[in-house]
N, C-alpha and C. Protein backbone atom coordinates (compact mmCIF):
# COMPACT_ATOMS: atom_id res chain seq x y z
N LYS A 1 121.69 70.27 102.35
CA LYS A 1 121.44 71.68 102.08
C LYS A 1 122.13 72.52 103.14
N GLU A 2 122.43 73.74 102.78
CA GLU A 2 123.14 74.64 103.68
C GLU A 2 122.56 76.04 103.52
N THR A 3 122.28 76.69 104.63
CA THR A 3 121.74 78.05 104.62
C THR A 3 122.77 78.98 105.23
N PHE A 4 122.97 80.14 104.59
CA PHE A 4 123.89 81.13 105.14
C PHE A 4 123.46 82.51 104.72
N SER A 5 124.01 83.50 105.38
CA SER A 5 123.67 84.89 105.08
C SER A 5 124.95 85.71 104.93
N PHE A 6 124.81 86.86 104.30
CA PHE A 6 125.94 87.76 104.15
C PHE A 6 125.42 89.19 104.07
N VAL A 7 126.33 90.16 104.17
CA VAL A 7 125.97 91.57 104.11
C VAL A 7 126.86 92.25 103.08
N LEU A 8 126.25 93.06 102.22
CA LEU A 8 126.99 93.87 101.26
C LEU A 8 126.86 95.32 101.70
N THR A 9 127.97 96.02 101.83
CA THR A 9 127.94 97.43 102.23
C THR A 9 128.28 98.28 101.02
N ASN A 10 127.40 99.21 100.70
CA ASN A 10 127.63 100.12 99.57
C ASN A 10 128.58 101.23 99.98
N SER A 11 129.07 101.98 99.01
CA SER A 11 130.03 103.05 99.29
C SER A 11 129.44 104.14 100.18
N ASP A 12 128.10 104.29 100.18
CA ASP A 12 127.46 105.30 101.03
C ASP A 12 127.16 104.78 102.44
N GLY A 13 127.55 103.52 102.72
CA GLY A 13 127.36 102.94 104.04
C GLY A 13 126.06 102.15 104.18
N SER A 14 125.17 102.24 103.20
CA SER A 14 123.93 101.47 103.27
C SER A 14 124.26 99.99 103.05
N LYS A 15 123.39 99.14 103.58
CA LYS A 15 123.67 97.70 103.53
C LYS A 15 122.60 96.96 102.77
N ARG A 16 123.01 95.89 102.13
CA ARG A 16 122.11 94.94 101.48
C ARG A 16 122.39 93.59 102.15
N PHE A 17 121.33 92.88 102.44
CA PHE A 17 121.42 91.63 103.18
C PHE A 17 121.15 90.47 102.24
N GLY A 18 122.02 89.48 102.26
CA GLY A 18 121.88 88.32 101.40
C GLY A 18 121.54 87.09 102.21
N TYR A 19 120.61 86.31 101.69
CA TYR A 19 120.17 85.07 102.32
C TYR A 19 120.26 83.99 101.26
N CYS A 20 120.99 82.92 101.52
CA CYS A 20 121.23 81.89 100.51
C CYS A 20 120.92 80.50 101.05
N ARG A 21 120.50 79.66 100.14
CA ARG A 21 120.34 78.24 100.44
C ARG A 21 121.00 77.48 99.31
N ARG A 22 121.93 76.60 99.67
CA ARG A 22 122.67 75.79 98.70
C ARG A 22 122.20 74.35 98.81
N PHE A 23 121.95 73.74 97.63
CA PHE A 23 121.49 72.35 97.57
C PHE A 23 122.46 71.55 96.73
N LEU A 24 122.51 70.26 96.98
CA LEU A 24 123.22 69.34 96.11
C LEU A 24 122.14 68.59 95.34
N THR A 25 122.15 68.71 94.01
CA THR A 25 121.13 68.08 93.18
C THR A 25 121.39 66.59 93.07
N SER A 26 120.44 65.86 92.47
CA SER A 26 120.60 64.41 92.30
C SER A 26 121.76 64.10 91.36
N ASP A 27 122.17 65.08 90.53
CA ASP A 27 123.32 64.90 89.63
C ASP A 27 124.63 65.31 90.28
N ASN A 28 124.61 65.55 91.60
CA ASN A 28 125.78 66.01 92.36
C ASN A 28 126.28 67.38 91.89
N LEU A 29 125.37 68.22 91.44
CA LEU A 29 125.68 69.60 91.09
C LEU A 29 125.20 70.50 92.21
N VAL A 30 125.86 71.62 92.38
CA VAL A 30 125.45 72.57 93.41
C VAL A 30 124.45 73.56 92.81
N GLU A 31 123.34 73.73 93.49
CA GLU A 31 122.30 74.67 93.09
C GLU A 31 122.13 75.63 94.26
N CYS A 32 122.10 76.92 93.97
CA CYS A 32 122.03 77.91 95.05
C CYS A 32 120.98 78.97 94.72
N TYR A 33 120.14 79.28 95.69
CA TYR A 33 119.18 80.36 95.56
C TYR A 33 119.57 81.44 96.55
N CYS A 34 119.69 82.67 96.07
CA CYS A 34 120.06 83.80 96.92
C CYS A 34 119.02 84.90 96.81
N ILE A 35 118.71 85.49 97.92
CA ILE A 35 117.83 86.65 97.97
C ILE A 35 118.66 87.79 98.53
N VAL A 36 118.72 88.89 97.80
CA VAL A 36 119.44 90.07 98.26
C VAL A 36 118.41 91.17 98.45
N SER A 37 118.40 91.78 99.62
CA SER A 37 117.38 92.78 99.95
C SER A 37 117.98 93.90 100.79
N CYS A 38 117.34 95.05 100.74
CA CYS A 38 117.76 96.13 101.63
C CYS A 38 117.12 95.98 103.01
N PHE A 39 116.25 94.98 103.16
CA PHE A 39 115.61 94.70 104.45
C PHE A 39 116.32 93.55 105.15
N SER A 40 116.56 93.72 106.43
CA SER A 40 117.14 92.66 107.24
C SER A 40 115.99 91.91 107.89
N SER A 41 115.67 90.74 107.37
CA SER A 41 114.57 89.95 107.93
C SER A 41 114.86 88.47 107.68
N PHE A 42 115.72 87.92 108.50
CA PHE A 42 116.15 86.55 108.29
C PHE A 42 114.98 85.58 108.30
N SER A 43 114.03 85.75 109.20
CA SER A 43 112.91 84.81 109.30
C SER A 43 112.04 84.84 108.04
N LEU A 44 111.78 86.02 107.50
CA LEU A 44 110.97 86.15 106.28
C LEU A 44 111.66 85.45 105.11
N PHE A 45 112.92 85.76 104.90
CA PHE A 45 113.62 85.19 103.76
C PHE A 45 113.92 83.71 103.96
N SER A 46 114.05 83.27 105.20
CA SER A 46 114.21 81.86 105.48
C SER A 46 112.92 81.11 105.13
N MET A 47 111.76 81.72 105.43
CA MET A 47 110.47 81.12 105.03
C MET A 47 110.39 80.97 103.51
N ILE A 48 110.81 82.02 102.80
CA ILE A 48 110.77 81.98 101.33
C ILE A 48 111.69 80.87 100.82
N LEU A 49 112.88 80.75 101.39
CA LEU A 49 113.82 79.71 100.96
C LEU A 49 113.31 78.31 101.32
N ASP A 50 112.56 78.18 102.43
CA ASP A 50 111.95 76.89 102.78
C ASP A 50 110.93 76.48 101.72
N ILE A 51 110.14 77.45 101.25
CA ILE A 51 109.14 77.17 100.22
C ILE A 51 109.83 76.83 98.89
N VAL A 52 110.91 77.54 98.58
CA VAL A 52 111.70 77.22 97.38
C VAL A 52 112.19 75.77 97.46
N ASP A 53 112.68 75.38 98.62
CA ASP A 53 113.17 74.02 98.85
C ASP A 53 112.05 73.01 98.60
N GLU A 54 110.87 73.32 99.12
CA GLU A 54 109.71 72.44 98.98
C GLU A 54 109.27 72.32 97.51
N ARG A 55 109.30 73.44 96.78
CA ARG A 55 108.80 73.47 95.40
C ARG A 55 109.82 72.98 94.37
N ARG A 56 111.09 73.01 94.69
CA ARG A 56 112.11 72.65 93.70
C ARG A 56 112.08 71.17 93.34
N VAL A 57 111.50 70.33 94.19
CA VAL A 57 111.39 68.90 93.86
C VAL A 57 110.44 68.68 92.68
N HIS A 58 109.55 69.65 92.41
CA HIS A 58 108.62 69.55 91.30
C HIS A 58 109.17 70.20 90.03
N GLY A 59 110.35 70.81 90.13
CA GLY A 59 110.96 71.42 88.95
C GLY A 59 111.15 72.92 89.12
N SER A 60 112.06 73.47 88.33
CA SER A 60 112.40 74.90 88.45
C SER A 60 111.23 75.81 88.08
N SER A 61 110.31 75.34 87.22
CA SER A 61 109.17 76.20 86.86
C SER A 61 108.30 76.49 88.08
N HIS A 62 108.20 75.53 89.00
CA HIS A 62 107.42 75.74 90.22
C HIS A 62 108.11 76.75 91.14
N VAL A 63 109.42 76.69 91.16
CA VAL A 63 110.19 77.64 91.97
C VAL A 63 110.02 79.04 91.41
N PHE A 64 110.21 79.19 90.10
CA PHE A 64 110.17 80.52 89.50
C PHE A 64 108.76 81.12 89.51
N SER A 65 107.71 80.29 89.39
CA SER A 65 106.36 80.85 89.48
C SER A 65 106.11 81.39 90.89
N PHE A 66 106.62 80.67 91.91
CA PHE A 66 106.48 81.16 93.28
C PHE A 66 107.28 82.46 93.47
N LEU A 67 108.53 82.47 93.02
CA LEU A 67 109.36 83.67 93.19
C LEU A 67 108.78 84.87 92.46
N LYS A 68 108.18 84.67 91.28
CA LYS A 68 107.52 85.77 90.56
C LYS A 68 106.36 86.32 91.37
N SER A 69 105.60 85.42 92.01
CA SER A 69 104.49 85.85 92.85
C SER A 69 104.97 86.65 94.05
N VAL A 70 106.10 86.23 94.63
CA VAL A 70 106.66 86.96 95.77
C VAL A 70 107.13 88.35 95.33
N LEU A 71 107.82 88.41 94.18
CA LEU A 71 108.32 89.69 93.69
C LEU A 71 107.22 90.66 93.32
N ALA A 72 106.03 90.14 92.99
CA ALA A 72 104.91 91.01 92.63
C ALA A 72 104.33 91.73 93.85
N LYS A 73 104.65 91.25 95.04
CA LYS A 73 104.16 91.86 96.29
C LYS A 73 105.22 92.78 96.86
N GLN A 74 104.77 93.77 97.63
CA GLN A 74 105.71 94.61 98.36
C GLN A 74 106.16 93.85 99.61
N CYS A 75 107.39 94.10 100.00
CA CYS A 75 107.91 93.48 101.21
C CYS A 75 107.06 93.94 102.40
N PRO A 76 106.62 93.01 103.24
CA PRO A 76 105.79 93.44 104.38
C PRO A 76 106.58 94.32 105.35
N LEU A 77 105.88 95.24 105.95
CA LEU A 77 106.48 96.07 106.99
C LEU A 77 106.68 95.21 108.23
N PRO A 78 107.56 95.64 109.15
CA PRO A 78 107.74 94.86 110.38
C PRO A 78 106.41 94.61 111.09
N GLY A 79 106.16 93.36 111.44
CA GLY A 79 104.93 92.98 112.12
C GLY A 79 103.78 92.64 111.18
N GLU A 80 103.98 92.77 109.88
CA GLU A 80 102.91 92.49 108.91
C GLU A 80 103.11 91.16 108.23
N THR A 81 102.03 90.69 107.58
CA THR A 81 102.03 89.44 106.84
C THR A 81 101.48 89.70 105.45
N ILE A 82 102.06 89.05 104.44
CA ILE A 82 101.49 89.11 103.10
C ILE A 82 101.09 87.70 102.68
N THR A 83 100.13 87.63 101.77
CA THR A 83 99.68 86.35 101.25
C THR A 83 100.10 86.25 99.79
N VAL A 84 100.74 85.14 99.46
CA VAL A 84 101.21 84.90 98.10
C VAL A 84 100.54 83.64 97.60
N SER A 85 99.95 83.72 96.41
CA SER A 85 99.35 82.51 95.83
C SER A 85 99.98 82.25 94.48
N THR A 86 100.17 80.98 94.19
CA THR A 86 100.77 80.55 92.93
C THR A 86 100.20 79.19 92.57
N PHE A 87 100.19 78.87 91.32
CA PHE A 87 99.60 77.62 90.87
C PHE A 87 100.63 76.50 90.82
N SER A 88 100.15 75.30 91.06
CA SER A 88 101.02 74.12 90.97
C SER A 88 100.31 73.10 90.11
N LYS A 89 100.57 71.83 90.31
CA LYS A 89 99.96 70.78 89.49
C LYS A 89 98.48 70.59 89.80
N THR A 90 98.05 70.99 90.97
CA THR A 90 96.64 70.85 91.32
C THR A 90 95.85 72.00 90.73
N GLU A 91 94.53 71.88 90.74
CA GLU A 91 93.67 72.92 90.15
C GLU A 91 93.57 74.14 91.04
N LYS A 92 93.73 73.95 92.34
CA LYS A 92 93.63 75.10 93.23
C LYS A 92 95.03 75.69 93.48
N PRO A 93 95.08 76.99 93.72
CA PRO A 93 96.41 77.62 93.92
C PRO A 93 97.01 77.26 95.28
N ASP A 94 98.33 77.29 95.32
CA ASP A 94 99.05 77.15 96.58
C ASP A 94 99.08 78.53 97.22
N ILE A 95 98.70 78.62 98.48
CA ILE A 95 98.65 79.91 99.18
C ILE A 95 99.64 79.87 100.34
N TYR A 96 100.49 80.89 100.39
CA TYR A 96 101.51 80.99 101.43
C TYR A 96 101.36 82.32 102.15
N GLU A 97 101.51 82.29 103.47
CA GLU A 97 101.53 83.52 104.25
C GLU A 97 102.95 83.76 104.72
N LEU A 98 103.48 84.92 104.38
CA LEU A 98 104.85 85.28 104.71
C LEU A 98 104.82 86.44 105.69
N SER A 99 105.44 86.25 106.85
CA SER A 99 105.40 87.25 107.92
C SER A 99 106.78 87.82 108.18
N ARG A 100 106.78 89.08 108.52
CA ARG A 100 108.02 89.75 108.93
C ARG A 100 107.86 90.12 110.40
N LEU A 101 108.83 89.76 111.21
CA LEU A 101 108.76 90.05 112.64
C LEU A 101 108.72 91.55 112.89
N GLY A 102 108.18 91.93 114.04
CA GLY A 102 108.16 93.33 114.44
C GLY A 102 109.57 93.84 114.67
N SER A 103 109.75 95.14 114.60
CA SER A 103 111.09 95.73 114.70
C SER A 103 111.77 95.42 116.03
N ASN A 104 111.00 95.28 117.11
CA ASN A 104 111.62 94.98 118.40
C ASN A 104 111.99 93.50 118.53
N GLU A 105 111.49 92.64 117.64
CA GLU A 105 111.80 91.21 117.68
C GLU A 105 112.93 90.84 116.72
N SER A 106 113.24 91.71 115.78
CA SER A 106 114.15 91.34 114.70
C SER A 106 115.60 91.20 115.14
N ILE A 107 115.98 91.78 116.26
CA ILE A 107 117.39 91.73 116.69
C ILE A 107 117.85 90.29 116.93
N LEU A 108 116.95 89.44 117.39
CA LEU A 108 117.34 88.06 117.72
C LEU A 108 116.84 87.02 116.74
N GLU A 109 116.15 87.44 115.67
CA GLU A 109 115.52 86.46 114.78
C GLU A 109 116.52 85.61 114.03
N TYR A 110 117.69 86.10 113.76
CA TYR A 110 118.65 85.37 112.93
C TYR A 110 119.81 84.81 113.73
N VAL A 111 119.78 84.98 115.03
CA VAL A 111 120.92 84.60 115.85
C VAL A 111 120.70 83.22 116.47
N SER A 112 121.71 82.36 116.32
CA SER A 112 121.68 81.06 116.97
C SER A 112 122.88 81.00 117.90
N TYR A 113 122.64 81.33 119.14
CA TYR A 113 123.73 81.30 120.11
C TYR A 113 124.17 79.87 120.41
N SER A 114 123.28 78.90 120.25
CA SER A 114 123.65 77.52 120.58
C SER A 114 124.81 77.05 119.70
N THR A 115 124.75 77.35 118.39
CA THR A 115 125.84 76.98 117.50
C THR A 115 127.13 77.68 117.91
N TYR A 116 127.02 78.96 118.22
CA TYR A 116 128.18 79.76 118.60
C TYR A 116 128.85 79.18 119.84
N PHE A 117 128.05 78.85 120.87
CA PHE A 117 128.61 78.33 122.12
C PHE A 117 129.08 76.87 121.98
N GLN A 118 128.56 76.14 121.02
CA GLN A 118 129.04 74.78 120.77
C GLN A 118 130.38 74.79 120.03
N CYS A 119 130.56 75.78 119.16
CA CYS A 119 131.77 75.81 118.31
C CYS A 119 132.98 76.44 119.01
N LEU A 120 132.73 77.33 119.97
CA LEU A 120 133.83 78.06 120.61
C LEU A 120 133.81 77.87 122.12
N SER A 121 134.98 77.96 122.72
CA SER A 121 135.07 77.90 124.18
C SER A 121 134.65 79.25 124.76
N ILE A 122 134.30 79.24 126.03
CA ILE A 122 133.91 80.48 126.70
C ILE A 122 135.05 81.49 126.65
N LYS A 123 136.27 81.01 126.82
CA LYS A 123 137.44 81.89 126.76
C LYS A 123 137.53 82.59 125.41
N ASN A 124 137.33 81.84 124.32
CA ASN A 124 137.38 82.44 122.98
C ASN A 124 136.21 83.39 122.73
N ILE A 125 135.03 83.05 123.24
CA ILE A 125 133.86 83.92 123.08
C ILE A 125 134.10 85.25 123.77
N ILE A 126 134.67 85.22 124.97
CA ILE A 126 134.97 86.46 125.70
C ILE A 126 136.04 87.26 124.97
N GLN A 127 137.04 86.58 124.45
CA GLN A 127 138.09 87.27 123.70
C GLN A 127 137.54 87.92 122.43
N ILE A 128 136.64 87.25 121.72
CA ILE A 128 136.02 87.84 120.53
C ILE A 128 135.15 89.03 120.92
N PHE A 129 134.39 88.88 122.00
CA PHE A 129 133.55 89.97 122.51
C PHE A 129 134.41 91.20 122.79
N GLU A 130 135.53 90.99 123.45
CA GLU A 130 136.46 92.07 123.77
C GLU A 130 137.02 92.70 122.49
N CYS A 131 137.42 91.89 121.53
CA CYS A 131 137.96 92.41 120.27
C CYS A 131 136.94 93.25 119.51
N ILE A 132 135.68 92.82 119.52
CA ILE A 132 134.64 93.59 118.83
C ILE A 132 134.43 94.93 119.54
N LEU A 133 134.35 94.92 120.87
CA LEU A 133 134.15 96.17 121.61
C LEU A 133 135.34 97.12 121.47
N LEU A 134 136.53 96.56 121.35
CA LEU A 134 137.73 97.38 121.19
C LEU A 134 138.03 97.71 119.72
N GLU A 135 137.10 97.31 118.83
CA GLU A 135 137.19 97.61 117.40
C GLU A 135 138.48 97.10 116.78
N ARG A 136 138.73 95.83 117.01
CA ARG A 136 139.91 95.17 116.45
C ARG A 136 139.53 94.42 115.17
N ARG A 137 140.51 93.81 114.55
CA ARG A 137 140.26 92.97 113.38
C ARG A 137 139.95 91.55 113.85
N CYS A 138 138.87 90.98 113.33
CA CYS A 138 138.44 89.63 113.70
C CYS A 138 138.26 88.79 112.44
N VAL A 139 138.90 87.63 112.41
CA VAL A 139 138.76 86.70 111.29
C VAL A 139 138.22 85.39 111.84
N PHE A 140 137.12 84.94 111.27
CA PHE A 140 136.51 83.67 111.64
C PHE A 140 136.78 82.68 110.51
N VAL A 141 137.06 81.43 110.86
CA VAL A 141 137.34 80.39 109.86
C VAL A 141 136.50 79.17 110.17
N SER A 142 135.87 78.62 109.12
CA SER A 142 135.08 77.40 109.27
C SER A 142 134.98 76.69 107.92
N SER A 143 134.83 75.39 107.96
CA SER A 143 134.64 74.63 106.72
C SER A 143 133.17 74.63 106.30
N SER A 144 132.28 75.15 107.15
CA SER A 144 130.85 75.20 106.86
C SER A 144 130.40 76.65 106.75
N LEU A 145 129.85 77.03 105.59
CA LEU A 145 129.37 78.40 105.41
C LEU A 145 128.24 78.73 106.38
N GLY A 146 127.34 77.78 106.60
CA GLY A 146 126.23 78.01 107.53
C GLY A 146 126.72 78.28 108.94
N ARG A 147 127.65 77.45 109.41
CA ARG A 147 128.21 77.62 110.75
C ARG A 147 128.97 78.94 110.85
N LEU A 148 129.70 79.27 109.79
CA LEU A 148 130.49 80.51 109.76
C LEU A 148 129.58 81.73 109.89
N SER A 149 128.55 81.82 109.06
CA SER A 149 127.68 83.00 109.13
C SER A 149 126.88 83.03 110.43
N THR A 150 126.50 81.85 110.93
CA THR A 150 125.77 81.79 112.20
C THR A 150 126.63 82.32 113.35
N CYS A 151 127.89 81.90 113.40
CA CYS A 151 128.78 82.34 114.49
C CYS A 151 129.11 83.82 114.39
N ILE A 152 129.32 84.33 113.20
CA ILE A 152 129.61 85.76 113.05
C ILE A 152 128.39 86.60 113.44
N ASN A 153 127.21 86.16 113.03
CA ASN A 153 125.99 86.87 113.43
C ASN A 153 125.82 86.87 114.95
N ALA A 154 126.09 85.74 115.58
CA ALA A 154 125.96 85.65 117.04
C ALA A 154 126.99 86.54 117.74
N ALA A 155 128.22 86.55 117.23
CA ALA A 155 129.27 87.38 117.85
C ALA A 155 128.91 88.86 117.79
N THR A 156 128.41 89.31 116.65
CA THR A 156 128.06 90.74 116.53
C THR A 156 126.78 91.07 117.30
N ALA A 157 125.86 90.12 117.41
CA ALA A 157 124.63 90.36 118.17
C ALA A 157 124.88 90.44 119.67
N LEU A 158 125.93 89.78 120.15
CA LEU A 158 126.23 89.80 121.59
C LEU A 158 126.57 91.20 122.11
N VAL A 159 127.02 92.08 121.23
CA VAL A 159 127.41 93.42 121.69
C VAL A 159 126.22 94.39 121.72
N ASP A 160 125.02 93.89 121.42
CA ASP A 160 123.82 94.73 121.48
C ASP A 160 123.70 95.35 122.86
N PRO A 161 123.46 96.61 123.03
CA PRO A 161 122.88 97.59 122.11
C PRO A 161 123.88 98.28 121.20
N PHE A 162 125.16 97.94 121.30
CA PHE A 162 126.13 98.51 120.37
C PHE A 162 126.03 97.77 119.04
N SER A 163 126.57 98.36 117.99
CA SER A 163 126.58 97.67 116.70
C SER A 163 127.91 97.92 116.01
N TRP A 164 128.33 96.95 115.23
CA TRP A 164 129.59 97.03 114.50
C TRP A 164 129.43 98.03 113.36
N GLN A 165 130.32 99.01 113.29
CA GLN A 165 130.21 100.08 112.29
C GLN A 165 131.29 100.01 111.20
N TYR A 166 132.10 99.00 111.22
CA TYR A 166 133.22 98.93 110.28
C TYR A 166 132.98 97.85 109.23
N ILE A 167 134.04 97.43 108.58
CA ILE A 167 133.93 96.42 107.52
C ILE A 167 133.40 95.13 108.13
N TYR A 168 132.37 94.60 107.47
CA TYR A 168 131.70 93.40 107.95
C TYR A 168 131.45 92.51 106.74
N ILE A 169 132.23 91.45 106.62
CA ILE A 169 132.11 90.53 105.48
C ILE A 169 132.04 89.11 106.06
N PRO A 170 130.82 88.64 106.36
CA PRO A 170 130.69 87.32 106.98
C PRO A 170 131.27 86.17 106.15
N ILE A 171 131.24 86.32 104.83
CA ILE A 171 131.79 85.27 103.98
C ILE A 171 132.67 85.95 102.93
N LEU A 172 133.96 85.87 103.14
CA LEU A 172 134.93 86.50 102.24
C LEU A 172 135.45 85.46 101.25
N PRO A 173 135.25 85.69 99.94
CA PRO A 173 135.76 84.72 98.96
C PRO A 173 137.28 84.63 99.01
N LYS A 174 137.79 83.47 98.67
CA LYS A 174 139.23 83.22 98.72
C LYS A 174 140.01 84.25 97.88
N SER A 175 139.41 84.67 96.76
CA SER A 175 140.08 85.63 95.87
C SER A 175 140.27 87.00 96.52
N LEU A 176 139.56 87.27 97.63
CA LEU A 176 139.66 88.57 98.30
C LEU A 176 140.34 88.48 99.67
N TRP A 177 141.03 87.39 99.95
CA TRP A 177 141.68 87.23 101.24
C TRP A 177 142.69 88.35 101.53
N SER A 178 143.18 89.00 100.52
CA SER A 178 144.13 90.10 100.74
C SER A 178 143.48 91.26 101.51
N TYR A 179 142.14 91.31 101.54
CA TYR A 179 141.44 92.35 102.31
C TYR A 179 141.77 92.24 103.80
N CYS A 180 142.21 91.07 104.23
CA CYS A 180 142.55 90.88 105.64
C CYS A 180 143.80 91.65 106.05
N CYS A 181 144.47 92.25 105.08
CA CYS A 181 145.63 93.09 105.37
C CYS A 181 145.23 94.55 105.54
N ALA A 182 143.96 94.85 105.47
CA ALA A 182 143.47 96.23 105.60
C ALA A 182 143.84 96.78 106.97
N PRO A 183 144.22 98.06 107.04
CA PRO A 183 144.68 98.63 108.31
C PRO A 183 143.55 99.15 109.21
N MET A 184 142.31 98.73 108.97
CA MET A 184 141.20 99.21 109.79
C MET A 184 140.48 98.04 110.42
N PRO A 185 139.60 98.30 111.39
CA PRO A 185 138.86 97.21 112.03
C PRO A 185 137.94 96.49 111.03
N PHE A 186 137.82 95.19 111.18
CA PHE A 186 136.91 94.44 110.33
C PHE A 186 136.51 93.14 111.01
N ILE A 187 135.41 92.58 110.55
CA ILE A 187 135.00 91.23 110.92
C ILE A 187 134.79 90.51 109.60
N VAL A 188 135.56 89.47 109.37
CA VAL A 188 135.42 88.69 108.15
C VAL A 188 135.39 87.21 108.47
N GLY A 189 134.78 86.47 107.57
CA GLY A 189 134.72 85.03 107.73
C GLY A 189 135.29 84.34 106.51
């Protein structure tokens, strides 16, 4: 299985955050669950995808009953927890508590610096840091979507308290590689 995230930027500058988990089924087919939200909460959506992973072994009906229960609830505010219950094969319902980190904790919830520092040399990390601060074009390449999105998230988080204000496409499909010729600053993977 592989977990990765992405960001969609609307024409008005607002962002939608995508969280995906890809599985290889017993038939060697790729199955992918994606959550797209206007809320940035990697830990919350990672919890939901963990439960999807756990329930999918019992069949897609168990996954969809859980996801329907989640959709029936409002997204918790930062620092809050919601309780979701759904039925399974047993007579009693499955109860899950889903928490969203507080706003002051969310900056580091999705960042894995260990992967970033394992994949790149210190010299390259400093050079990327410099390029981001100088608003240059940055292209990241990896054979692993999870590693790619993890490293891009870590690189942009390192410039905190500053934030990247330009084109940000952590996972750029091959059909859109021509976007890398854009004459403005960007970070793409």
